[in-house]
Amino acid sequence: MSQAMLQLNETRAALSDAMHNQDWEAIGDLDQKCREQVEVAMQDAERDEQALRETMEQLLALYAELVQVCTAQRSAIGAELTAVNRSSKGAKVYQMFG
């Protein structure tokens, strides 16, 4: 396996770990790194087409899972903000009549 493929697989594994740890800053950094490494791997003259295809399929599955996790996190944060806004409005009403 070429050096480019090894680096891409390492980055994919790190991205997966960051997703499971919900380390959003690391995810942003690793996403950019992954994009760059995909470019390098695609241009690698020594690339193994089958290994590259498998790695790309794994990346596709990981990104699909990452989108689901991000969507769920966004929904949870939205629900928290809604609860905070309701509490704030309740506190304002209490202050007006208190």
C-alpha atoms as a PDB file:
ATOM      1  CA  MET A   1       0.000   0.000   0.000  1.00  0.00           C
ATOM      2  CA  SER A   2       1.340   3.421  -0.929  1.00  0.00           C
ATOM      3  CA  GLN A   3       2.281   6.079   1.593  1.00  0.00           C
ATOM      4  CA  ALA A   4      -0.634   8.246   0.419  1.00  0.00           C
ATOM      5  CA  MET A   5      -3.096   5.428   1.094  1.00  0.00           C
ATOM      6  CA  LEU A   6      -1.605   4.742   4.525  1.00  0.00           C
ATOM      7  CA  GLN A   7      -1.944   8.407   5.481  1.00  0.00           C
ATOM      8  CA  LEU A   8      -5.505   8.511   4.159  1.00  0.00           C
ATOM      9  CA  ASN A   9      -6.453   5.440   6.193  1.00  0.00           C
ATOM     10  CA  GLU A  10      -4.852   6.908   9.322  1.00  0.00           C
ATOM     11  CA  THR A  11      -6.761  10.145   8.837  1.00  0.00           C
ATOM     12  CA  ARG A  12     -10.011   8.230   8.261  1.00  0.00           C
ATOM     13  CA  ALA A  13      -9.473   6.349  11.528  1.00  0.00           C
ATOM     14  CA  ALA A  14      -8.708   9.594  13.380  1.00  0.00           C
ATOM     15  CA  LEU A  15     -11.830  11.190  11.887  1.00  0.00           C
ATOM     16  CA  SER A  16     -13.899   8.242  13.074  1.00  0.00           C
ATOM     17  CA  ASP A  17     -12.446   8.542  16.584  1.00  0.00           C
ATOM     18  CA  ALA A  18     -13.129  12.289  16.640  1.00  0.00           C
ATOM     19  CA  MET A  19     -16.713  11.660  15.559  1.00  0.00           C
ATOM     20  CA  HIS A  20     -17.274   9.123  18.327  1.00  0.00           C
ATOM     21  CA  ASN A  21     -15.770  11.573  20.845  1.00  0.00           C
ATOM     22  CA  GLN A  22     -17.803  14.455  19.368  1.00  0.00           C
ATOM     23  CA  ASP A  23     -14.616  16.493  19.017  1.00  0.00           C
ATOM     24  CA  TRP A  24     -16.009  18.985  16.501  1.00  0.00           C
ATOM     25  CA  GLU A  25     -12.819  21.040  16.211  1.00  0.00           C
ATOM     26  CA  ALA A  26     -10.766  17.944  15.395  1.00  0.00           C
ATOM     27  CA  ILE A  27     -13.430  16.862  12.898  1.00  0.00           C
ATOM     28  CA  GLY A  28     -13.063  20.164  11.048  1.00  0.00           C
ATOM     29  CA  ASP A  29      -9.288  19.845  10.916  1.00  0.00           C
ATOM     30  CA  LEU A  30      -9.359  16.172   9.937  1.00  0.00           C
ATOM     31  CA  ASP A  31     -11.979  16.792   7.260  1.00  0.00           C
ATOM     32  CA  GLN A  32      -9.686  19.282   5.546  1.00  0.00           C
ATOM     33  CA  LYS A  33      -6.710  16.946   5.921  1.00  0.00           C
ATOM     34  CA  CYS A  34      -8.761  14.059   4.524  1.00  0.00           C
ATOM     35  CA  ARG A  35      -9.770  16.093   1.461  1.00  0.00           C
ATOM     36  CA  GLU A  36      -6.139  16.933   0.765  1.00  0.00           C
ATOM     37  CA  GLN A  37      -5.071  13.320   1.183  1.00  0.00           C
ATOM     38  CA  VAL A  38      -7.803  12.093  -1.163  1.00  0.00           C
ATOM     39  CA  GLU A  39      -6.365  14.401  -3.827  1.00  0.00           C
ATOM     40  CA  VAL A  40      -2.861  13.046  -3.239  1.00  0.00           C
ATOM     41  CA  ALA A  41      -4.057   9.430  -3.260  1.00  0.00           C
ATOM     42  CA  MET A  42      -5.988   9.961  -6.499  1.00  0.00           C
ATOM     43  CA  GLN A  43      -2.896  11.386  -8.195  1.00  0.00           C
ATOM     44  CA  ASP A  44      -0.520   8.731  -6.845  1.00  0.00           C
ATOM     45  CA  ALA A  45       1.044   6.870  -9.768  1.00  0.00           C
ATOM     46  CA  GLU A  46       1.609   3.803  -7.558  1.00  0.00           C
ATOM     47  CA  ARG A  47      -1.985   3.585  -6.331  1.00  0.00           C
ATOM     48  CA  ASP A  48      -3.757   0.284  -5.996  1.00  0.00           C
ATOM     49  CA  GLU A  49      -7.148   0.851  -7.632  1.00  0.00           C
ATOM     50  CA  GLN A  50      -8.918  -1.787  -5.533  1.00  0.00           C
ATOM     51  CA  ALA A  51      -7.486  -0.500  -2.250  1.00  0.00           C
ATOM     52  CA  LEU A  52      -8.343   3.064  -3.241  1.00  0.00           C
ATOM     53  CA  ARG A  53     -11.911   2.050  -4.094  1.00  0.00           C
ATOM     54  CA  GLU A  54     -12.313   0.284  -0.733  1.00  0.00           C
ATOM     55  CA  THR A  55     -10.910   3.264   1.147  1.00  0.00           C
ATOM     56  CA  MET A  56     -13.204   5.652  -0.716  1.00  0.00           C
ATOM     57  CA  GLU A  57     -16.212   3.455   0.111  1.00  0.00           C
ATOM     58  CA  GLN A  58     -15.187   3.467   3.772  1.00  0.00           C
ATOM     59  CA  LEU A  59     -14.863   7.251   3.665  1.00  0.00           C
ATOM     60  CA  LEU A  60     -18.290   7.547   2.060  1.00  0.00           C
ATOM     61  CA  ALA A  61     -19.834   5.434   4.826  1.00  0.00           C
ATOM     62  CA  LEU A  62     -17.994   7.436   7.498  1.00  0.00           C
ATOM     63  CA  TYR A  63     -19.164  10.758   6.082  1.00  0.00           C
ATOM     64  CA  ALA A  64     -22.751   9.463   5.878  1.00  0.00           C
ATOM     65  CA  GLU A  65     -22.545   8.534   9.560  1.00  0.00           C
ATOM     66  CA  LEU A  66     -20.934  11.882  10.358  1.00  0.00           C
ATOM     67  CA  VAL A  67     -23.819  13.722   8.684  1.00  0.00           C
ATOM     68  CA  GLN A  68     -26.287  11.753  10.826  1.00  0.00           C
ATOM     69  CA  VAL A  69     -24.347  12.528  14.006  1.00  0.00           C
ATOM     70  CA  CYS A  70     -24.135  16.230  13.117  1.00  0.00           C
ATOM     71  CA  THR A  71     -27.848  16.376  12.335  1.00  0.00           C
ATOM     72  CA  ALA A  72     -28.715  14.724  15.641  1.00  0.00           C
ATOM     73  CA  GLN A  73     -26.389  17.071  17.517  1.00  0.00           C
ATOM     74  CA  ARG A  74     -27.896  20.100  15.782  1.00  0.00           C
ATOM     75  CA  SER A  75     -31.394  18.929  16.737  1.00  0.00           C
ATOM     76  CA  ALA A  76     -30.350  18.412  20.355  1.00  0.00           C
ATOM     77  CA  ILE A  77     -28.807  21.877  20.523  1.00  0.00           C
ATOM     78  CA  GLY A  78     -31.935  23.356  18.942  1.00  0.00           C
ATOM     79  CA  ALA A  79     -34.091  21.682  21.586  1.00  0.00           C
ATOM     80  CA  GLU A  80     -31.830  23.037  24.333  1.00  0.00           C
ATOM     81  CA  LEU A  81     -32.054  26.561  22.918  1.00  0.00           C
ATOM     82  CA  THR A  82     -35.833  26.308  22.730  1.00  0.00           C
ATOM     83  CA  ALA A  83     -35.953  25.242  26.381  1.00  0.00           C
ATOM     84  CA  VAL A  84     -33.655  28.104  27.393  1.00  0.00           C
ATOM     85  CA  ASN A  85     -35.802  30.614  25.490  1.00  0.00           C
ATOM     86  CA  ARG A  86     -38.968  29.315  27.160  1.00  0.00           C
ATOM     87  CA  SER A  87     -37.333  29.539  30.579  1.00  0.00           C
ATOM     88  CA  SER A  88     -36.168  33.057  29.841  1.00  0.00           C
ATOM     89  CA  LYS A  89     -39.659  34.139  28.782  1.00  0.00           C
ATOM     90  CA  GLY A  90     -41.102  32.551  31.913  1.00  0.00           C
ATOM     91  CA  ALA A  91     -38.602  34.410  34.070  1.00  0.00           C
ATOM     92  CA  LYS A  92     -39.500  37.717  32.381  1.00  0.00           C
ATOM     93  CA  VAL A  93     -43.207  37.156  33.042  1.00  0.00           C
ATOM     94  CA  TYR A  94     -42.430  36.308  36.664  1.00  0.00           C
ATOM     95  CA  GLN A  95     -40.366  39.499  37.005  1.00  0.00           C
ATOM     96  CA  MET A  96     -43.177  41.598  35.523  1.00  0.00           C
ATOM     97  CA  PHE A  97     -45.717  40.318  38.044  1.00  0.00           C
ATOM     98  CA  GLY A  98     -43.358  39.578  40.906  1.00  0.00           C
END
